[in-house]
Structure formats: structure tokens, C-alpha cells
Amino acid sequence: MRHKSKASSWREKPKAVVLVLAALLALDGCTVGPKYNKPSAPAPAAYKELTPDEMKNTDGWKVAQPKDDALHGKWWEIFNDAPLNTLEDQVNLSNQNVASAFASFMAARAMVKEARSQYFPTLSTAPAITNERQQIGGAAASGTGTGSGAGSTSATVFTEYALPFDATWVPDLWGRVRNMVRANVAAAQASAADLENTRLTMQSELAVDYFSLRGQDALKELLDSTVVAYRQSLDLTRALYETGIDSDESVAQAETQLEITQAQDTNLGILRAQYEHAIAMLVGQPASTFSIAALPWNVAPPAIPFGVPSQLLERRPDIAANERLMAQANAQIGVAVAAYYPTVTLSAGAGLQSTSFVNWFTWPSRFWSVGPSVAETIFDGGLRRATVEQYRAQYDESVANYRETVLTAFQQVEDNLAALRILSVEIQQQNAAVTSAERNLSLATDRYKLGIDPYLNVITAQTTLLGAQQTAVNLHIQQMTSSVSLVEALGGGWDSNQLPSQHQLISSSTTNSAAPNPSSNPHGTPTNP
């Protein structure tokens, strides 16, 4: 029997390593764990609260025609209000909630890159120059001496020069890394959707506060004019009293009516100031340096394209976020299942080592080592099984959350459609009530001037008219805020196709072009409208 030479054996070792690598690469395409399929969610065929037939009976609000089938990114522009447009643009730059959500998205994006790094080997080096002293010979070395004079010793001092390079690679045989990357990509996409949801929430909250503030200005204008009218009535009552036609009691009643209305007029300043301060917070400015000038109420509800219910699943960022969380939970199941399979680690080392600095970088000073290792858990007390059960339960939880979010979205849309439909009819009825109250006050005033009726009838008519006018203004405010709430419930001008892809998440540039850059405006100092 012939034996292979030592040189031949060394030559065949690299071939064996190559074969092992080839086998591992062949297995690298195997991915364990469930395949993700987007769960179904209930979506009605049409909205019930505002049908085309009902639109014929509405007034002051309408639905966009099919040619206006979608909201765009700057959805607030449909209200045609220049100061509102200016304020909304500042939200994207200076709102701190948006800035926080953007930072959270950037952190999630970095985690995708962290997960992808496990695809590649780890390379390291540790150059070292070590001085060593070793004792050689004698009793101390042999251990046979019986006294201090037994044997002889000598010490050797030398310097060792080392320049090692180590490489370690764990092939992704069972898809553990691939599932981790998928999970982190889904988490980053969910974070991007959360960013859009935060931005939409802040923008819609600003619009609601803005129209509420404008409504306070309209109420202020109404009460200011009412105070003027009541002062004229008081002057009339005093004149009639001085001529002996009326009594001092009527004068006192007119004075009371005027003073109560003045107090109501003054009280409006509290809520308006609070709305103004809230807007300052939303646009990232100190409330102490922010102000909005009063303007006449000249707004009207716009045409809002609400589309069909199936489109809502793609337009709402919170629905998109929950759907991506389902994908993340599904991928995490695959990560847990991969723990059942063995882990193969390929290690290699090479470098230069010598006790002579002159010979350190010469070919004879080289050394190398290479070889695989396999690790497999034999017994873990049910840890892996419990981990898989945990992630399966978390996936089921994410499915339930997703479907709950969908149901909530349809509820919010229907709520606001119903509000707008009913408000349209109620505003017509209230306008008729205001007209009747004006006629009643005119008649009561004429009869009072003629001495037919007491001044108390005039006060009753005035109170009725003011209450009807205040209700009409509040209904218009509610109509505008409901329009904003409907836009928010529809997802604004967003679409799930705007979610960043995996390629965009790992690129060096910012993946969300619409995302704010807080560093570009750290103090948030845009001009006031």
C-alpha cells in the first residue's frame, strides 16, 4: 500500500476547503419559515353615508367629480386659503413630532443595514510586538532540585513580531439572515408609514385649529356687531324713558342685555388665544412670539374626492404601517425556526510572525489556518419551540391589529361623511331659523317703538336671534373641521406606493424625499402669516 507524500496531502487540503465552500453555497438558498401572504381585511363595496342620490339634497358641501379622483400631497390647498398654506408648509420643516418620527425612521433604516452586514464575512487584524523573558534549565525548570544551589538556570529574552489577519463567515444556510433583513426592512417601512401618519396628524390638527380660530374671529365679528346693535337699543330705550313713554325698568333690561353680551364678546378671546398658541406649537414656534391676524370668515368646504372603500387600504399610512408590521412578524417566525438547524462557521487566519524584526515581513515568517466548524443545540429545555410559539402569537396579534385599524378607518370615513351630509341639511335649516329670528326682532322692535309691546319682547327676540346666529357660525366651523377630518380619514394625499423599497433603505441618500431635514432649520423660524 502506497502512502501519499506530506506535500501531496497539503496540496489536497485547499481542495477540500473549496469543496466544503461549494457545498455551503449550494445550501445558501434555503429559507425556512412561513411565506408571507397579506391577510384579507373587510372592505365594503361602497360608502353608505353619502350616496350620489343624497348629494342632490346637500348644500354648501359637495363631492369631487370622478375627474378629480385623488388628493395630492399638499391636500390643504383644496381649501384655497393662503395663510393656511403658509402654516402647513412650516409643519413639515419645524414640527418636533414630525422631526422625532423622522429620526425614528432613520434609526429603523440603519437597522436594515445592520442586518445586511451579516451576509458578509468579518475581517480583523491585531498587530503586536511582544517582549518575553523565559527561564531555561536548572532545578526551577526540571523540578528536581533540592536547594538553592541545585542545577543551573539561564534566561532568554526575545521579541516576537506578529501581524495576523483573521476572517470569519457564517453562511446563511437556513435563511436566518435573510429573514432578519426582511423583518428589518418591514419595520423600516412601517416606521416610514408612521412618519407619514404623524405628519398627516399634525397637518390636519393644524387645519382644524386654524379653522376653529377663524370661527372664533367670525363669532367675535358677530358679537361685536351685536354689541353695537344692543347699544343702539339702549339709546332708544333711554330716549323713550326720558320722554315718559317707557319706564326705567326697560332701561335696566337693555343695560343688562348689553353688558352680558359684552362679557360674552370678551370671553371669546380665551379660546382664540389657545388656538393661536396650539398653532404656534404645531409649526415649531414659541407661543410668545407667534400671532395670527384676524380675518373675515370667507371659507367654504371644498370638493373632496373620497373614492371607493377599497382604495382606503392603500391611502391610509396607519393601515400601511400595520400591514408592514405583519410582514415583520412573519419574518421573525423564520428567524426563530432557523434556530433548529445547525450553524456552520468558516474561519481562516493568516499572517506574518517572527522573533526578528528583519525577518518579520519575509515569506518564511508566514502562517495560516483554515477550517469549518459546526454548532448545533442538542437540548435547550423547549426554548426554541417556545420562541417560535411566541413569534407566531405576535404575528396573530399583528393580524388582529391590522384588521382593527382597517375597521377603524372605515368608521372614521363614514363618521365624517355622515357629519357632512347631516350638517349640510342642518345649515340650511339654521339659516332659515336665522331669517325668521331677524324678522321676529324687526317686528318686536317696531311694536315696541309704537308702544304696543314691552321692551321685554325685544330682549327675547334679540336673544333668540343671537343664539341662532351663533349656532349658524358654529355649524359652519364644524362643517370645515369635519371636512379636514374626512381628508385625514382618507389618508391625505399619501399612497402606500410611496413606501421606500429595500434598495432605497440601504442606499446612501435619504429614502423619503418628502421627509423633513430638521438640521436645515434647527430653530424653526418661518415668518408668520
Protein backbone atom coordinates (compact mmCIF):
# COMPACT_ATOMS: atom_id res chain seq x y z
CA MET A 1 0.00 0.00 0.00
CA ARG A 2 1.35 3.35 -1.05
CA HIS A 3 1.13 6.34 1.23
CA LYS A 4 0.67 9.85 -0.09
CA SER A 5 3.51 12.21 0.45
CA LYS A 6 3.22 15.03 3.00
CA ALA A 7 3.41 17.64 0.24
CA SER A 8 0.59 15.95 -1.66
CA SER A 9 -1.56 15.94 1.48
CA TRP A 10 -1.07 19.70 1.98
CA ARG A 11 -1.95 20.35 -1.64
CA GLU A 12 -5.25 18.48 -1.29
CA LYS A 13 -6.37 20.34 1.86
CA PRO A 14 -7.25 23.56 -0.03
CA LYS A 15 -9.26 21.43 -2.46
CA ALA A 16 -11.25 20.01 0.42
CA VAL A 17 -11.91 23.50 1.73
CA VAL A 18 -13.10 24.59 -1.70
CA LEU A 19 -15.48 21.62 -1.86
CA VAL A 20 -16.87 22.49 1.55
CA LEU A 21 -17.39 26.11 0.46
CA ALA A 22 -19.14 24.99 -2.71
CA ALA A 23 -21.47 22.74 -0.73
CA LEU A 24 -22.30 25.52 1.70
CA LEU A 25 -23.00 27.99 -1.09
CA ALA A 26 -25.33 25.46 -2.67
CA LEU A 27 -27.30 25.30 0.57
CA ASP A 28 -27.33 29.06 0.96
CA GLY A 29 -30.59 29.43 -0.97
CA CYS A 30 -32.66 27.50 1.60
CA THR A 31 -35.02 29.66 3.67
CA VAL A 32 -37.12 28.19 6.46
CA GLY A 33 -40.23 29.73 7.95
CA PRO A 34 -43.69 30.61 6.58
CA LYS A 35 -44.11 32.53 3.35
CA TYR A 36 -45.79 35.90 3.86
CA ASN A 37 -49.21 36.41 2.33
CA LYS A 38 -51.07 39.61 3.11
CA PRO A 39 -54.14 38.71 5.19
CA SER A 40 -57.53 39.81 3.97
CA ALA A 41 -59.45 42.67 5.55
CA PRO A 42 -63.13 43.54 5.19
CA ALA A 43 -63.71 46.27 2.59
CA PRO A 44 -67.28 47.25 1.62
CA ALA A 45 -68.21 47.89 -1.97
CA ALA A 46 -69.33 51.48 -1.32
CA TYR A 47 -69.72 54.05 1.43
CA LYS A 48 -73.26 54.20 2.78
CA GLU A 49 -73.35 57.64 4.41
CA LEU A 50 -73.16 59.76 1.27
CA THR A 51 -74.51 58.30 -1.96
CA PRO A 52 -74.91 60.13 -5.30
CA ASP A 53 -78.68 60.39 -4.70
CA GLU A 54 -78.10 62.05 -1.33
CA MET A 55 -75.69 64.51 -2.91
CA LYS A 56 -78.60 66.10 -4.77
CA ASN A 57 -80.06 67.27 -1.45
CA THR A 58 -76.87 68.65 0.07
CA ASP A 59 -75.94 72.30 0.16
CA GLY A 60 -72.66 74.04 0.97
CA TRP A 61 -70.61 70.88 0.51
CA LYS A 62 -70.03 68.60 -2.43
CA VAL A 63 -68.00 65.60 -3.52
CA ALA A 64 -65.41 65.97 -6.26
CA GLN A 65 -66.27 64.64 -9.66
CA PRO A 66 -64.51 61.49 -10.96
CA LYS A 67 -62.01 63.61 -12.90
CA ASP A 68 -60.75 64.87 -9.53
CA ASP A 69 -60.22 61.31 -8.33
CA ALA A 70 -57.34 61.79 -5.91
CA LEU A 71 -55.92 64.09 -3.29
CA HIS A 72 -52.36 65.21 -3.84
CA GLY A 73 -49.54 65.67 -1.37
CA LYS A 74 -50.43 69.23 -0.33
CA TRP A 75 -54.06 68.32 0.28
CA TRP A 76 -54.75 71.53 2.26
CA GLU A 77 -54.53 73.55 -0.94
CA ILE A 78 -58.05 72.41 -1.84
CA PHE A 79 -59.30 74.88 0.81
CA ASN A 80 -57.84 77.82 -1.18
CA ASP A 81 -56.62 79.61 1.94
CA ALA A 82 -53.22 81.29 1.54
CA PRO A 83 -52.42 81.73 5.28
CA LEU A 84 -53.27 78.07 5.88
CA ASN A 85 -50.94 77.04 3.05
CA THR A 86 -48.09 79.01 4.62
CA LEU A 87 -48.65 77.42 8.02
CA GLU A 88 -48.91 73.88 6.64
CA ASP A 89 -45.57 74.23 4.84
CA GLN A 90 -43.95 75.10 8.18
CA VAL A 91 -45.22 71.89 9.82
CA ASN A 92 -43.01 69.77 7.60
CA LEU A 93 -39.96 71.84 8.50
CA SER A 94 -40.32 72.71 12.14
CA ASN A 95 -42.81 70.44 13.89
CA GLN A 96 -40.95 68.48 16.54
CA ASN A 97 -43.26 65.46 16.46
CA VAL A 98 -42.50 65.09 12.75
CA ALA A 99 -38.79 65.55 13.45
CA SER A 100 -38.95 62.84 16.13
CA ALA A 101 -40.76 60.43 13.79
CA PHE A 102 -38.18 61.13 11.09
CA ALA A 103 -35.33 60.31 13.49
CA SER A 104 -37.11 57.08 14.42
CA PHE A 105 -37.36 56.20 10.73
CA MET A 106 -33.65 56.86 10.21
CA ALA A 107 -32.85 54.56 13.14
CA ALA A 108 -35.02 51.81 11.64
CA ARG A 109 -33.29 52.34 8.30
CA ALA A 110 -29.88 51.89 9.97
CA MET A 111 -31.07 48.59 11.45
CA VAL A 112 -31.67 47.28 7.91
CA LYS A 113 -28.01 47.93 7.13
CA GLU A 114 -27.01 46.27 10.40
CA ALA A 115 -28.95 43.13 9.46
CA ARG A 116 -27.48 43.07 5.92
CA SER A 117 -23.95 43.21 7.32
CA GLN A 118 -24.36 39.63 8.49
CA TYR A 119 -24.32 38.45 4.88
CA PHE A 120 -20.60 39.21 4.71
CA PRO A 121 -17.52 37.81 6.48
CA THR A 122 -15.87 39.59 9.34
CA LEU A 123 -12.23 40.53 8.83
CA SER A 124 -9.96 41.60 11.67
CA THR A 125 -6.30 42.12 12.45
CA ALA A 126 -4.32 42.54 15.67
CA PRO A 127 -0.67 43.54 15.05
CA ALA A 128 1.52 43.01 18.12
CA ILE A 129 5.12 43.39 19.24
CA THR A 130 5.74 41.38 22.42
CA ASN A 131 8.85 41.25 24.62
CA GLU A 132 9.17 37.96 26.50
CA ARG A 133 11.58 36.53 29.09
CA GLN A 134 11.79 32.78 29.61
CA GLN A 135 13.85 30.82 32.17
CA ILE A 136 15.51 27.70 30.82
CA GLY A 137 17.24 24.72 32.56
CA GLY A 138 18.16 24.04 36.25
CA ALA A 139 16.03 22.92 39.14
CA ALA A 140 13.47 25.52 38.52
CA ALA A 141 12.98 24.16 35.02
CA SER A 142 13.21 20.44 35.74
CA GLY A 143 11.54 20.44 39.15
CA THR A 144 14.18 18.03 40.64
CA GLY A 145 16.34 20.49 42.62
CA THR A 146 16.53 20.21 46.42
CA GLY A 147 18.09 23.57 47.25
CA SER A 148 19.01 26.94 46.01
CA GLY A 149 22.28 25.70 44.53
CA ALA A 150 20.89 22.70 42.71
CA GLY A 151 21.25 22.85 38.91
CA SER A 152 21.93 25.88 36.79
CA THR A 153 19.49 28.29 35.13
CA SER A 154 19.58 30.67 32.24
CA ALA A 155 17.13 33.27 30.98
CA THR A 156 16.30 34.08 27.39
CA VAL A 157 14.81 37.38 26.37
CA PHE A 158 13.36 37.79 22.89
CA THR A 159 10.87 39.92 20.97
CA GLU A 160 8.04 38.43 18.92
CA TYR A 161 6.61 40.32 15.97
CA ALA A 162 3.11 39.29 14.80
CA LEU A 163 0.81 40.58 12.04
CA PRO A 164 -2.23 38.23 11.98
CA PHE A 165 -5.36 38.53 9.81
CA ASP A 166 -8.48 36.61 10.77
CA ALA A 167 -11.65 36.04 8.73
CA THR A 168 -14.92 34.54 9.99
CA TRP A 169 -18.03 33.87 7.96
CA VAL A 170 -21.31 32.24 8.95
CA PRO A 171 -23.15 31.23 5.74
CA ASP A 172 -26.86 31.93 5.77
CA LEU A 173 -27.81 28.30 5.18
CA TRP A 174 -31.35 28.39 6.52
CA GLY A 175 -32.35 31.97 5.77
CA ARG A 176 -31.87 33.35 9.27
CA VAL A 177 -30.11 36.46 7.98
CA ARG A 178 -32.48 36.80 5.03
CA ASN A 179 -35.46 36.73 7.38
CA MET A 180 -33.76 39.23 9.69
CA VAL A 181 -33.24 41.56 6.73
CA ARG A 182 -36.86 41.12 5.67
CA ALA A 183 -38.05 41.80 9.21
CA ASN A 184 -35.97 44.95 9.49
CA VAL A 185 -36.99 46.16 6.03
CA ALA A 186 -40.65 45.71 7.00
CA ALA A 187 -40.00 47.50 10.31
CA ALA A 188 -38.33 50.41 8.50
CA GLN A 189 -41.23 50.64 6.05
CA ALA A 190 -43.64 50.62 8.99
CA SER A 191 -41.60 53.43 10.53
CA ALA A 192 -41.79 55.36 7.26
CA ALA A 193 -45.57 54.93 7.30
CA ASP A 194 -45.64 56.07 10.93
CA LEU A 195 -43.71 59.16 9.86
CA GLU A 196 -46.34 59.91 7.22
CA ASN A 197 -49.12 59.26 9.72
CA THR A 198 -47.52 61.66 12.21
CA ARG A 199 -47.10 64.29 9.51
CA LEU A 200 -50.74 63.86 8.42
CA THR A 201 -51.95 64.08 12.01
CA MET A 202 -50.01 67.28 12.65
CA GLN A 203 -51.15 68.82 9.36
CA SER A 204 -54.81 68.00 9.95
CA GLU A 205 -54.62 69.16 13.57
CA LEU A 206 -53.22 72.45 12.34
CA ALA A 207 -56.03 72.83 9.81
CA VAL A 208 -58.65 72.07 12.47
CA ASP A 209 -57.12 74.60 14.87
CA TYR A 210 -56.83 77.15 12.07
CA PHE A 211 -60.49 76.92 11.04
CA SER A 212 -61.53 76.88 14.69
CA LEU A 213 -59.55 80.09 15.19
CA ARG A 214 -61.17 81.62 12.13
CA GLY A 215 -64.51 80.57 13.60
CA GLN A 216 -63.71 82.46 16.79
CA ASP A 217 -62.97 85.50 14.63
CA ALA A 218 -66.37 85.07 12.97
CA LEU A 219 -68.09 84.81 16.36
CA LYS A 220 -66.16 87.88 17.51
CA GLU A 221 -67.35 89.80 14.46
CA LEU A 222 -70.93 88.68 15.17
CA LEU A 223 -70.82 89.70 18.82
CA ASP A 224 -69.11 92.99 18.02
CA SER A 225 -71.96 93.89 15.66
CA THR A 226 -74.48 92.65 18.22
CA VAL A 227 -72.96 94.86 20.91
CA VAL A 228 -73.34 97.82 18.58
CA ALA A 229 -76.99 96.93 17.92
CA TYR A 230 -77.70 96.46 21.64
CA ARG A 231 -76.09 99.82 22.43
CA GLN A 232 -78.39 101.44 19.88
CA SER A 233 -81.35 99.71 21.51
CA LEU A 234 -80.25 101.02 24.89
CA ASP A 235 -80.03 104.55 23.49
CA LEU A 236 -83.56 104.15 22.09
CA THR A 237 -84.88 102.89 25.41
CA ARG A 238 -83.29 105.77 27.31
CA ALA A 239 -84.75 108.27 24.86
CA LEU A 240 -88.23 106.78 25.32
CA TYR A 241 -87.78 106.79 29.09
CA GLU A 242 -86.73 110.43 29.12
CA THR A 243 -89.83 111.37 27.11
CA GLY A 244 -92.02 109.44 29.53
CA ILE A 245 -93.07 106.79 27.02
CA ASP A 246 -91.15 103.91 28.67
CA SER A 247 -90.02 103.00 32.18
CA ASP A 248 -86.67 102.82 33.93
CA GLU A 249 -87.18 99.04 34.12
CA SER A 250 -86.80 98.79 30.35
CA VAL A 251 -83.58 100.81 30.54
CA ALA A 252 -82.23 98.41 33.16
CA GLN A 253 -83.19 95.43 30.99
CA ALA A 254 -81.41 96.94 27.97
CA GLU A 255 -78.31 97.69 30.05
CA THR A 256 -78.24 94.10 31.36
CA GLN A 257 -78.59 92.69 27.86
CA LEU A 258 -75.74 94.86 26.60
CA GLU A 259 -73.38 94.03 29.47
CA ILE A 260 -73.98 90.27 29.22
CA THR A 261 -73.24 90.36 25.51
CA GLN A 262 -70.08 92.41 26.08
CA ALA A 263 -68.86 89.77 28.55
CA GLN A 264 -69.53 87.01 26.02
CA ASP A 265 -67.67 89.01 23.40
CA THR A 266 -64.67 89.42 25.70
CA ASN A 267 -64.67 85.72 26.67
CA LEU A 268 -64.08 84.71 23.03
CA GLY A 269 -60.50 85.92 23.37
CA ILE A 270 -59.60 82.99 25.66
CA LEU A 271 -60.33 80.23 23.17
CA ARG A 272 -58.86 82.19 20.26
CA ALA A 273 -55.62 82.66 22.16
CA GLN A 274 -55.50 78.95 22.94
CA TYR A 275 -55.97 78.05 19.28
CA GLU A 276 -53.25 80.50 18.31
CA HIS A 277 -50.86 79.01 20.86
CA ALA A 278 -51.67 75.50 19.66
CA ILE A 279 -50.87 76.51 16.07
CA ALA A 280 -47.57 78.01 17.22
CA MET A 281 -46.71 74.67 18.82
CA LEU A 282 -47.55 72.79 15.63
CA VAL A 283 -45.34 74.99 13.45
CA GLY A 284 -42.45 74.78 15.92
CA GLN A 285 -42.50 78.35 17.19
CA PRO A 286 -42.72 79.79 20.72
CA ALA A 287 -46.25 80.90 21.52
CA SER A 288 -44.85 84.15 22.93
CA THR A 289 -43.59 85.32 19.54
CA PHE A 290 -46.33 83.93 17.30
CA SER A 291 -49.55 85.60 16.20
CA ILE A 292 -52.20 85.31 13.51
CA ALA A 293 -54.13 88.38 12.39
CA ALA A 294 -57.91 88.28 12.43
CA LEU A 295 -59.54 87.85 9.04
CA PRO A 296 -63.18 87.79 7.88
CA TRP A 297 -64.83 84.38 7.64
CA ASN A 298 -64.79 83.65 3.92
CA VAL A 299 -64.10 79.92 3.80
CA ALA A 300 -66.27 77.19 2.32
CA PRO A 301 -65.99 73.40 2.32
CA PRO A 302 -64.18 72.10 -0.77
CA ALA A 303 -64.94 69.20 -3.05
CA ILE A 304 -63.25 66.14 -1.51
CA PRO A 305 -62.56 63.08 -3.69
CA PHE A 306 -63.16 60.17 -1.32
CA GLY A 307 -63.06 57.45 -3.99
CA VAL A 308 -64.14 53.87 -3.25
CA PRO A 309 -63.58 51.93 0.00
CA SER A 310 -61.01 49.55 -1.48
CA GLN A 311 -58.69 52.50 -2.15
CA LEU A 312 -58.67 53.35 1.55
CA LEU A 313 -56.45 50.34 2.28
CA GLU A 314 -53.72 51.87 0.13
CA ARG A 315 -54.15 55.51 1.18
CA ARG A 316 -54.03 55.33 4.95
CA PRO A 317 -50.47 55.37 6.37
CA ASP A 318 -51.58 53.74 9.63
CA ILE A 319 -53.03 50.80 7.67
CA ALA A 320 -49.79 50.53 5.69
CA ALA A 321 -47.78 50.59 8.93
CA ASN A 322 -49.82 47.76 10.44
CA GLU A 323 -49.53 45.72 7.25
CA ARG A 324 -45.73 46.08 7.31
CA LEU A 325 -45.70 45.04 10.98
CA MET A 326 -47.44 41.82 9.91
CA ALA A 327 -44.68 41.19 7.38
CA GLN A 328 -42.09 41.84 10.08
CA ALA A 329 -43.74 39.41 12.49
CA ASN A 330 -43.94 36.77 9.76
CA ALA A 331 -40.21 37.09 9.01
CA GLN A 332 -39.38 36.83 12.70
CA ILE A 333 -41.03 33.40 12.74
CA GLY A 334 -38.49 32.32 10.10
CA VAL A 335 -35.64 33.64 12.27
CA ALA A 336 -36.92 31.57 15.20
CA VAL A 337 -37.37 28.42 13.07
CA ALA A 338 -33.79 28.72 11.76
CA ALA A 339 -32.54 28.18 15.33
CA TYR A 340 -33.49 24.48 14.95
CA TYR A 341 -30.78 23.98 12.34
CA PRO A 342 -27.00 23.79 12.81
CA THR A 343 -24.78 26.83 12.40
CA VAL A 344 -21.69 26.47 10.24
CA THR A 345 -18.81 28.86 10.78
CA LEU A 346 -15.91 29.20 8.39
CA SER A 347 -12.73 30.58 9.94
CA ALA A 348 -9.42 31.43 8.35
CA GLY A 349 -6.29 33.04 9.64
CA ALA A 350 -3.05 34.12 8.07
CA GLY A 351 -0.22 36.49 8.77
CA LEU A 352 3.43 37.01 9.48
CA GLN A 353 5.21 36.10 12.70
CA SER A 354 8.88 36.22 13.63
CA THR A 355 11.29 36.84 16.51
CA SER A 356 13.39 39.01 14.25
CA PHE A 357 12.22 42.37 13.00
CA VAL A 358 14.45 41.96 9.96
CA ASN A 359 12.73 38.69 9.02
CA TRP A 360 9.22 39.80 10.02
CA PHE A 361 7.98 40.58 6.52
CA THR A 362 9.73 37.68 4.75
CA TRP A 363 7.98 34.71 3.19
CA PRO A 364 9.28 32.10 5.69
CA SER A 365 7.59 34.05 8.52
CA ARG A 366 4.12 33.33 7.16
CA PHE A 367 1.50 31.21 8.88
CA TRP A 368 -2.09 30.30 8.03
CA SER A 369 -5.02 28.21 9.19
CA VAL A 370 -8.43 27.47 7.71
CA GLY A 371 -11.34 25.23 8.56
CA PRO A 372 -15.08 24.97 9.22
CA SER A 373 -16.89 24.34 12.48
CA VAL A 374 -20.46 23.22 13.14
CA ALA A 375 -22.57 24.11 16.17
CA GLU A 376 -25.91 22.54 17.00
CA THR A 377 -28.03 22.83 20.12
CA ILE A 378 -28.85 19.33 21.41
CA PHE A 379 -31.07 20.26 24.35
CA ASP A 380 -32.50 23.65 25.33
CA GLY A 381 -35.45 22.77 27.53
CA GLY A 382 -38.01 23.82 24.91
CA LEU A 383 -36.55 27.29 24.38
CA ARG A 384 -36.66 27.20 20.58
CA ARG A 385 -40.19 25.80 20.48
CA ALA A 386 -41.40 28.46 22.89
CA THR A 387 -39.68 31.17 20.82
CA VAL A 388 -41.45 30.01 17.65
CA GLU A 389 -44.77 29.96 19.51
CA GLN A 390 -44.08 33.47 20.76
CA TYR A 391 -43.49 34.89 17.29
CA ARG A 392 -46.49 33.03 15.84
CA ALA A 393 -48.67 34.57 18.55
CA GLN A 394 -47.18 38.00 17.83
CA TYR A 395 -47.99 37.52 14.15
CA ASP A 396 -51.60 36.67 15.01
CA GLU A 397 -51.69 39.78 17.19
CA SER A 398 -50.43 41.94 14.32
CA VAL A 399 -53.12 40.49 12.02
CA ALA A 400 -55.81 41.41 14.55
CA ASN A 401 -54.36 44.91 14.93
CA TYR A 402 -54.28 45.33 11.15
CA ARG A 403 -57.93 44.36 10.76
CA GLU A 404 -58.91 46.58 13.68
CA THR A 405 -57.12 49.51 12.05
CA VAL A 406 -58.98 48.87 8.79
CA LEU A 407 -62.33 48.79 10.59
CA THR A 408 -61.45 51.99 12.44
CA ALA A 409 -60.54 53.68 9.16
CA PHE A 410 -63.91 52.87 7.60
CA GLN A 411 -65.65 54.03 10.77
CA GLN A 412 -63.84 57.39 10.65
CA VAL A 413 -64.65 57.92 6.98
CA GLU A 414 -68.31 57.07 7.48
CA ASP A 415 -68.47 59.29 10.60
CA ASN A 416 -67.24 62.30 8.70
CA LEU A 417 -69.33 61.60 5.61
CA ALA A 418 -72.39 61.37 7.84
CA ALA A 419 -71.40 64.57 9.64
CA LEU A 420 -71.01 66.47 6.38
CA ARG A 421 -74.26 65.10 4.98
CA ILE A 422 -76.25 65.99 8.08
CA LEU A 423 -74.54 69.33 8.58
CA SER A 424 -75.42 70.33 5.03
CA VAL A 425 -79.12 69.90 5.81
CA GLU A 426 -78.80 71.39 9.30
CA ILE A 427 -77.10 74.52 7.97
CA GLN A 428 -79.98 75.11 5.57
CA GLN A 429 -82.45 74.74 8.42
CA GLN A 430 -80.43 77.00 10.68
CA ASN A 431 -80.13 79.69 8.02
CA ALA A 432 -83.92 79.63 7.74
CA ALA A 433 -84.14 79.96 11.53
CA VAL A 434 -81.83 83.00 11.45
CA THR A 435 -84.01 84.63 8.78
CA SER A 436 -87.12 84.03 10.88
CA ALA A 437 -85.41 85.37 14.02
CA GLU A 438 -84.39 88.54 12.17
CA ARG A 439 -87.98 89.06 11.04
CA ASN A 440 -89.24 88.47 14.56
CA LEU A 441 -86.81 91.03 16.00
CA SER A 442 -87.82 93.59 13.39
CA LEU A 443 -91.50 93.14 14.26
CA ALA A 444 -90.82 93.25 18.01
CA THR A 445 -88.79 96.44 17.65
CA ASP A 446 -91.49 98.15 15.58
CA ARG A 447 -94.22 97.18 18.06
CA TYR A 448 -92.06 98.44 20.93
CA LYS A 449 -91.50 101.79 19.23
CA LEU A 450 -95.25 102.11 18.76
CA GLY A 451 -95.79 101.35 22.44
CA ILE A 452 -97.78 98.20 21.72
CA ASP A 453 -95.43 95.67 23.38
CA PRO A 454 -92.98 96.00 26.30
CA TYR A 455 -89.23 96.03 25.83
CA LEU A 456 -89.02 92.50 27.24
CA ASN A 457 -90.34 91.21 23.89
CA VAL A 458 -87.45 92.98 22.13
CA ILE A 459 -84.94 91.38 24.51
CA THR A 460 -86.45 87.94 23.88
CA ALA A 461 -86.24 88.45 20.12
CA GLN A 462 -82.67 89.73 20.37
CA THR A 463 -81.60 86.73 22.47
CA THR A 464 -83.26 84.33 20.05
CA LEU A 465 -81.55 85.93 17.03
CA LEU A 466 -78.11 85.96 18.64
CA GLY A 467 -78.44 82.32 19.65
CA ALA A 468 -79.50 81.34 16.12
CA GLN A 469 -76.62 83.30 14.57
CA GLN A 470 -74.08 81.76 16.96
CA THR A 471 -75.39 78.28 16.16
CA ALA A 472 -75.11 79.01 12.43
CA VAL A 473 -71.46 80.08 12.82
CA ASN A 474 -70.64 77.03 14.95
CA LEU A 475 -72.22 74.76 12.34
CA HIS A 476 -70.02 76.30 9.64
CA ILE A 477 -66.97 75.75 11.88
CA GLN A 478 -68.00 72.13 12.43
CA GLN A 479 -68.50 71.72 8.68
CA MET A 480 -64.97 72.90 7.95
CA THR A 481 -63.35 70.80 10.67
CA SER A 482 -65.33 67.76 9.52
CA SER A 483 -64.00 68.35 6.00
CA VAL A 484 -60.46 68.32 7.38
CA SER A 485 -61.22 65.19 9.41
CA LEU A 486 -62.54 63.48 6.29
CA VAL A 487 -59.33 64.28 4.41
CA GLU A 488 -57.34 62.87 7.32
CA ALA A 489 -59.52 59.75 7.45
CA LEU A 490 -58.87 59.25 3.72
CA GLY A 491 -55.10 59.39 4.29
CA GLY A 492 -54.45 62.86 2.90
CA GLY A 493 -52.55 62.79 -0.36
CA TRP A 494 -50.48 59.74 0.57
CA ASP A 495 -50.30 56.31 -1.07
CA SER A 496 -48.61 53.07 0.02
CA ASN A 497 -46.60 53.05 -3.21
CA GLN A 498 -44.54 55.84 -1.64
CA LEU A 499 -43.08 53.46 0.94
CA PRO A 500 -39.30 53.10 0.47
CA SER A 501 -38.09 49.87 -1.11
CA GLN A 502 -35.28 47.75 0.30
CA HIS A 503 -32.88 49.25 -2.23
CA GLN A 504 -33.83 52.76 -1.16
CA LEU A 505 -33.45 51.85 2.51
CA ILE A 506 -29.85 50.70 2.06
CA SER A 507 -28.81 53.50 -0.30
CA SER A 508 -26.63 56.30 0.98
CA SER A 509 -29.18 59.03 0.22
CA THR A 510 -32.31 59.78 2.25
CA THR A 511 -35.02 57.41 1.07
CA ASN A 512 -38.01 59.58 1.84
CA SER A 513 -37.79 62.66 -0.32
CA ALA A 514 -40.70 64.25 1.49
CA ALA A 515 -39.13 63.73 4.89
CA PRO A 516 -38.07 66.84 6.76
CA ASN A 517 -34.50 67.67 7.49
CA PRO A 518 -34.58 69.18 10.97
CA SER A 519 -30.94 70.26 10.78
CA SER A 520 -31.74 72.55 7.86
CA ASN A 521 -33.98 74.65 10.11
CA PRO A 522 -32.99 73.86 13.68
CA HIS A 523 -34.71 76.83 15.27
CA GLY A 524 -37.92 76.73 13.25
CA THR A 525 -38.20 80.43 12.48
CA PRO A 526 -40.50 80.78 9.48
CA THR A 527 -42.39 84.03 9.08
CA ASN A 528 -45.88 84.39 10.48
CA PRO A 529 -48.78 84.52 8.03
